[in-house]
Amino acid sequence: MVKAVAVLGSSEGVTGTIHFVQEGSGPTTVTGSLAGLKPGLHGFHVHALGDTTNGCLSTGSHFNPNNKEHGAPEDENRHAGDLGNVNVGDDDSSHWTKQHHRKGGCCPC
């Protein structure tokens, strides 16, 4: 089993926690909770680097170990870090669980 947690915070007041869990080569379950975003759909993706010292300039590109094209979560040809959209409600928060299926897991490791 592989587990990872991302704790999010920004100077603009966005906060959240994202949990990733994958057993063997099964789907990755992503559970998230966000607060402080404007209501509506927001793109959700993982960047290659965890360095947020200079905002989006220091996070690198989307996580893409297989050198795929940008795509939707259901597309076979997509960055492993392309995770679709999350919907933020009128209360400026979002809570969700999604499963992401990748043949052989997220990468060819």
N, C-alpha and C. Protein backbone atom coordinates (compact mmCIF):
# COMPACT_ATOMS: atom_id res chain seq x y z
N MET A 1 0.85 -1.18 0.00
CA MET A 1 0.00 0.00 0.00
C MET A 1 0.89 1.24 0.00
N VAL A 2 0.51 2.22 -0.81
CA VAL A 2 1.21 3.49 -0.88
C VAL A 2 0.25 4.58 -0.40
N LYS A 3 0.74 5.44 0.49
CA LYS A 3 -0.08 6.54 1.00
C LYS A 3 0.73 7.83 0.91
N ALA A 4 0.04 8.92 0.62
CA ALA A 4 0.66 10.25 0.62
C ALA A 4 -0.37 11.26 1.08
N VAL A 5 0.11 12.32 1.69
CA VAL A 5 -0.76 13.40 2.16
C VAL A 5 -0.16 14.73 1.71
N ALA A 6 -1.00 15.61 1.20
CA ALA A 6 -0.59 16.98 0.88
C ALA A 6 -1.40 17.93 1.74
N VAL A 7 -0.71 18.79 2.47
CA VAL A 7 -1.36 19.81 3.28
C VAL A 7 -1.17 21.13 2.54
N LEU A 8 -2.29 21.78 2.22
CA LEU A 8 -2.26 22.98 1.39
C LEU A 8 -2.53 24.23 2.21
N GLY A 9 -1.86 25.29 1.84
CA GLY A 9 -2.08 26.59 2.46
C GLY A 9 -1.52 27.67 1.54
N SER A 10 -2.15 28.82 1.52
CA SER A 10 -1.67 29.90 0.66
C SER A 10 -1.86 31.23 1.35
N SER A 11 -1.13 32.23 0.86
CA SER A 11 -1.28 33.58 1.41
C SER A 11 -2.64 34.17 1.07
N GLU A 12 -3.35 33.58 0.08
CA GLU A 12 -4.69 34.04 -0.29
C GLU A 12 -5.78 33.42 0.57
N GLY A 13 -5.41 32.56 1.53
CA GLY A 13 -6.39 31.98 2.43
C GLY A 13 -6.95 30.63 2.02
N VAL A 14 -6.41 30.03 0.96
CA VAL A 14 -6.85 28.69 0.55
C VAL A 14 -6.14 27.67 1.43
N THR A 15 -6.92 26.74 2.00
CA THR A 15 -6.36 25.68 2.85
C THR A 15 -6.98 24.36 2.46
N GLY A 16 -6.31 23.27 2.83
CA GLY A 16 -6.89 21.97 2.55
C GLY A 16 -5.94 20.84 2.84
N THR A 17 -6.49 19.63 2.75
CA THR A 17 -5.73 18.40 2.92
C THR A 17 -6.19 17.42 1.86
N ILE A 18 -5.22 16.79 1.18
CA ILE A 18 -5.51 15.80 0.15
C ILE A 18 -4.81 14.51 0.55
N HIS A 19 -5.55 13.39 0.55
CA HIS A 19 -4.99 12.08 0.88
C HIS A 19 -5.01 11.21 -0.38
N PHE A 20 -3.90 10.53 -0.65
CA PHE A 20 -3.78 9.60 -1.78
C PHE A 20 -3.48 8.22 -1.20
N VAL A 21 -4.24 7.19 -1.65
CA VAL A 21 -4.02 5.82 -1.20
C VAL A 21 -4.12 4.90 -2.41
N GLN A 22 -3.11 4.01 -2.58
CA GLN A 22 -3.17 3.02 -3.66
C GLN A 22 -2.68 1.69 -3.12
N GLU A 23 -3.46 0.63 -3.36
CA GLU A 23 -3.07 -0.72 -2.99
C GLU A 23 -2.65 -1.46 -4.24
N GLY A 24 -1.39 -1.92 -4.28
CA GLY A 24 -0.88 -2.65 -5.44
C GLY A 24 -1.03 -1.83 -6.71
N SER A 25 -1.54 -2.47 -7.75
CA SER A 25 -1.74 -1.76 -9.02
C SER A 25 -3.19 -1.30 -9.18
N GLY A 26 -3.94 -1.30 -8.07
CA GLY A 26 -5.33 -0.86 -8.10
C GLY A 26 -5.46 0.64 -8.28
N PRO A 27 -6.69 1.14 -8.29
CA PRO A 27 -6.91 2.58 -8.47
C PRO A 27 -6.36 3.37 -7.28
N THR A 28 -6.04 4.61 -7.54
CA THR A 28 -5.63 5.52 -6.47
C THR A 28 -6.87 6.24 -5.98
N THR A 29 -7.13 6.14 -4.68
CA THR A 29 -8.25 6.85 -4.08
C THR A 29 -7.74 8.19 -3.56
N VAL A 30 -8.38 9.26 -4.02
CA VAL A 30 -7.99 10.61 -3.62
C VAL A 30 -9.15 11.20 -2.83
N THR A 31 -8.88 11.57 -1.58
CA THR A 31 -9.87 12.18 -0.71
C THR A 31 -9.38 13.57 -0.36
N GLY A 32 -10.24 14.56 -0.56
CA GLY A 32 -9.79 15.92 -0.33
C GLY A 32 -10.79 16.79 0.37
N SER A 33 -10.26 17.82 0.98
CA SER A 33 -11.05 18.84 1.65
C SER A 33 -10.36 20.17 1.41
N LEU A 34 -11.07 21.12 0.82
CA LEU A 34 -10.52 22.45 0.53
C LEU A 34 -11.43 23.53 1.08
N ALA A 35 -10.85 24.65 1.43
CA ALA A 35 -11.63 25.81 1.88
C ALA A 35 -10.95 27.07 1.37
N GLY A 36 -11.75 28.11 1.16
CA GLY A 36 -11.22 29.41 0.78
C GLY A 36 -11.16 29.68 -0.71
N LEU A 37 -11.74 28.81 -1.53
CA LEU A 37 -11.80 29.03 -2.98
C LEU A 37 -13.14 29.64 -3.36
N LYS A 38 -13.17 30.32 -4.49
CA LYS A 38 -14.43 30.84 -5.01
C LYS A 38 -15.32 29.68 -5.44
N PRO A 39 -16.65 29.80 -5.30
CA PRO A 39 -17.56 28.74 -5.74
C PRO A 39 -17.39 28.44 -7.23
N GLY A 40 -17.61 27.17 -7.59
CA GLY A 40 -17.53 26.74 -8.99
C GLY A 40 -16.50 25.64 -9.18
N LEU A 41 -16.25 25.30 -10.44
CA LEU A 41 -15.29 24.26 -10.78
C LEU A 41 -13.87 24.80 -10.79
N HIS A 42 -12.96 24.00 -10.26
CA HIS A 42 -11.54 24.35 -10.23
C HIS A 42 -10.75 23.14 -10.72
N GLY A 43 -9.79 23.36 -11.61
CA GLY A 43 -8.92 22.29 -12.06
C GLY A 43 -8.10 21.75 -10.90
N PHE A 44 -7.93 20.42 -10.89
CA PHE A 44 -7.22 19.75 -9.80
C PHE A 44 -6.12 18.90 -10.42
N HIS A 45 -4.89 19.20 -10.08
CA HIS A 45 -3.78 18.44 -10.63
C HIS A 45 -2.60 18.44 -9.67
N VAL A 46 -1.71 17.47 -9.87
CA VAL A 46 -0.50 17.34 -9.06
C VAL A 46 0.67 17.85 -9.90
N HIS A 47 1.51 18.68 -9.30
CA HIS A 47 2.70 19.18 -9.98
C HIS A 47 3.89 18.27 -9.67
N ALA A 48 4.92 18.35 -10.49
CA ALA A 48 6.10 17.51 -10.35
C ALA A 48 6.91 17.85 -9.10
N LEU A 49 6.88 19.09 -8.67
CA LEU A 49 7.68 19.54 -7.53
C LEU A 49 6.77 20.06 -6.42
N GLY A 50 7.19 19.87 -5.19
CA GLY A 50 6.41 20.35 -4.06
C GLY A 50 6.87 21.70 -3.55
N ASP A 51 7.66 22.40 -4.33
CA ASP A 51 8.22 23.69 -3.93
C ASP A 51 7.24 24.81 -4.27
N THR A 52 6.64 25.41 -3.26
CA THR A 52 5.68 26.50 -3.50
C THR A 52 6.25 27.86 -3.09
N THR A 53 7.57 27.95 -2.94
CA THR A 53 8.18 29.20 -2.48
C THR A 53 7.97 30.36 -3.44
N ASN A 54 7.77 30.07 -4.73
CA ASN A 54 7.53 31.13 -5.71
C ASN A 54 6.24 30.85 -6.48
N GLY A 55 5.21 30.40 -5.75
CA GLY A 55 3.92 30.11 -6.37
C GLY A 55 4.04 29.07 -7.47
N CYS A 56 3.25 29.23 -8.52
CA CYS A 56 3.23 28.26 -9.62
C CYS A 56 4.54 28.21 -10.39
N LEU A 57 5.37 29.23 -10.27
CA LEU A 57 6.64 29.24 -10.99
C LEU A 57 7.62 28.19 -10.47
N SER A 58 7.49 27.80 -9.19
CA SER A 58 8.44 26.85 -8.61
C SER A 58 7.89 25.43 -8.45
N THR A 59 6.64 25.19 -8.83
CA THR A 59 6.06 23.85 -8.65
C THR A 59 6.37 22.90 -9.80
N GLY A 60 6.89 23.41 -10.90
CA GLY A 60 7.16 22.56 -12.05
C GLY A 60 5.88 22.28 -12.82
N SER A 61 6.01 21.45 -13.84
CA SER A 61 4.85 21.08 -14.66
C SER A 61 4.00 20.04 -13.95
N HIS A 62 2.90 19.63 -14.58
CA HIS A 62 2.08 18.56 -14.02
C HIS A 62 2.92 17.29 -13.91
N PHE A 63 2.66 16.49 -12.88
CA PHE A 63 3.33 15.21 -12.71
C PHE A 63 3.04 14.36 -13.94
N ASN A 64 4.07 13.95 -14.67
CA ASN A 64 3.89 13.30 -15.96
C ASN A 64 5.04 12.33 -16.25
N PRO A 65 5.19 11.26 -15.43
CA PRO A 65 6.33 10.35 -15.58
C PRO A 65 6.32 9.56 -16.89
N ASN A 66 5.18 9.46 -17.55
CA ASN A 66 5.08 8.68 -18.78
C ASN A 66 5.09 9.53 -20.04
N ASN A 67 5.35 10.85 -19.90
CA ASN A 67 5.42 11.77 -21.03
C ASN A 67 4.17 11.72 -21.91
N LYS A 68 3.00 11.81 -21.26
CA LYS A 68 1.72 11.78 -21.97
C LYS A 68 1.23 13.20 -22.26
N GLU A 69 0.15 13.30 -23.03
CA GLU A 69 -0.49 14.58 -23.33
C GLU A 69 -1.39 14.98 -22.17
N HIS A 70 -1.76 16.26 -22.12
CA HIS A 70 -2.72 16.75 -21.14
C HIS A 70 -4.08 16.14 -21.46
N GLY A 71 -4.84 15.71 -20.45
CA GLY A 71 -6.14 15.11 -20.72
C GLY A 71 -7.01 15.03 -19.49
N ALA A 72 -8.21 14.51 -19.69
CA ALA A 72 -9.18 14.33 -18.61
C ALA A 72 -8.86 13.04 -17.84
N PRO A 73 -9.36 12.90 -16.60
CA PRO A 73 -9.06 11.72 -15.80
C PRO A 73 -9.43 10.39 -16.47
N GLU A 74 -10.47 10.39 -17.30
CA GLU A 74 -10.89 9.13 -17.94
C GLU A 74 -10.09 8.82 -19.21
N ASP A 75 -9.24 9.75 -19.66
CA ASP A 75 -8.45 9.53 -20.88
C ASP A 75 -7.25 8.63 -20.59
N GLU A 76 -6.98 7.69 -21.48
CA GLU A 76 -5.79 6.84 -21.34
C GLU A 76 -4.53 7.68 -21.53
N ASN A 77 -4.58 8.63 -22.46
CA ASN A 77 -3.43 9.48 -22.77
C ASN A 77 -3.56 10.78 -21.97
N ARG A 78 -3.03 10.80 -20.75
CA ARG A 78 -3.09 12.00 -19.91
C ARG A 78 -1.93 11.98 -18.93
N HIS A 79 -1.58 13.15 -18.45
CA HIS A 79 -0.59 13.24 -17.38
C HIS A 79 -1.12 12.46 -16.17
N ALA A 80 -0.26 11.78 -15.47
CA ALA A 80 -0.69 11.10 -14.24
C ALA A 80 -1.21 12.11 -13.22
N GLY A 81 -0.75 13.36 -13.32
CA GLY A 81 -1.18 14.39 -12.38
C GLY A 81 -2.45 15.12 -12.76
N ASP A 82 -3.06 14.79 -13.92
CA ASP A 82 -4.33 15.42 -14.32
C ASP A 82 -5.48 14.72 -13.60
N LEU A 83 -6.08 15.37 -12.63
CA LEU A 83 -7.10 14.73 -11.80
C LEU A 83 -8.48 15.34 -11.95
N GLY A 84 -8.72 16.07 -13.01
CA GLY A 84 -10.06 16.59 -13.28
C GLY A 84 -10.37 17.86 -12.53
N ASN A 85 -11.62 18.03 -12.18
CA ASN A 85 -12.09 19.24 -11.50
C ASN A 85 -12.67 18.90 -10.13
N VAL A 86 -12.65 19.87 -9.25
CA VAL A 86 -13.39 19.78 -7.99
C VAL A 86 -14.39 20.92 -7.98
N ASN A 87 -15.54 20.66 -7.40
CA ASN A 87 -16.60 21.66 -7.33
C ASN A 87 -16.62 22.28 -5.94
N VAL A 88 -16.52 23.57 -5.89
CA VAL A 88 -16.56 24.30 -4.62
C VAL A 88 -17.95 24.90 -4.47
N GLY A 89 -18.56 24.64 -3.32
CA GLY A 89 -19.92 25.10 -3.07
C GLY A 89 -19.98 26.57 -2.68
N ASP A 90 -21.19 27.05 -2.47
CA ASP A 90 -21.42 28.45 -2.10
C ASP A 90 -20.80 28.82 -0.76
N ASP A 91 -20.47 27.80 0.05
CA ASP A 91 -19.83 28.06 1.34
C ASP A 91 -18.30 28.12 1.23
N ASP A 92 -17.79 28.16 -0.02
CA ASP A 92 -16.34 28.25 -0.30
C ASP A 92 -15.56 27.01 0.11
N SER A 93 -16.23 25.85 0.23
CA SER A 93 -15.52 24.63 0.61
C SER A 93 -15.89 23.48 -0.32
N SER A 94 -15.05 22.46 -0.29
CA SER A 94 -15.27 21.28 -1.12
C SER A 94 -14.72 20.06 -0.39
N HIS A 95 -15.49 18.96 -0.42
CA HIS A 95 -15.08 17.69 0.18
C HIS A 95 -15.42 16.61 -0.83
N TRP A 96 -14.48 15.72 -1.11
CA TRP A 96 -14.74 14.70 -2.13
C TRP A 96 -13.84 13.49 -1.96
N THR A 97 -14.26 12.40 -2.61
CA THR A 97 -13.45 11.19 -2.77
C THR A 97 -13.60 10.77 -4.22
N LYS A 98 -12.46 10.53 -4.89
CA LYS A 98 -12.46 10.09 -6.28
C LYS A 98 -11.51 8.91 -6.41
N GLN A 99 -11.81 8.03 -7.35
CA GLN A 99 -10.89 6.95 -7.68
C GLN A 99 -10.33 7.20 -9.07
N HIS A 100 -9.00 7.08 -9.19
CA HIS A 100 -8.33 7.29 -10.47
C HIS A 100 -7.69 5.98 -10.88
N HIS A 101 -8.12 5.47 -12.02
CA HIS A 101 -7.63 4.19 -12.54
C HIS A 101 -6.52 4.45 -13.55
N ARG A 102 -5.39 3.82 -13.34
CA ARG A 102 -4.27 3.88 -14.28
C ARG A 102 -3.77 2.45 -14.45
N LYS A 103 -3.67 2.00 -15.65
CA LYS A 103 -3.16 0.66 -15.92
C LYS A 103 -1.75 0.56 -15.34
N GLY A 104 -1.55 -0.37 -14.42
CA GLY A 104 -0.23 -0.53 -13.82
C GLY A 104 0.12 0.52 -12.78
N GLY A 105 -0.85 1.26 -12.28
CA GLY A 105 -0.57 2.29 -11.29
C GLY A 105 -0.28 3.62 -11.95
N CYS A 106 0.34 4.51 -11.21
CA CYS A 106 0.54 5.87 -11.73
C CYS A 106 1.74 5.98 -12.65
N CYS A 107 2.69 5.12 -12.52
CA CYS A 107 3.90 5.27 -13.33
C CYS A 107 4.56 3.91 -13.55
N PRO A 108 5.51 3.81 -14.48
CA PRO A 108 6.11 2.53 -14.82
C PRO A 108 7.24 2.11 -13.89
N CYS A 109 7.22 2.55 -12.64
CA CYS A 109 8.30 2.24 -11.70
C CYS A 109 8.37 0.76 -11.38
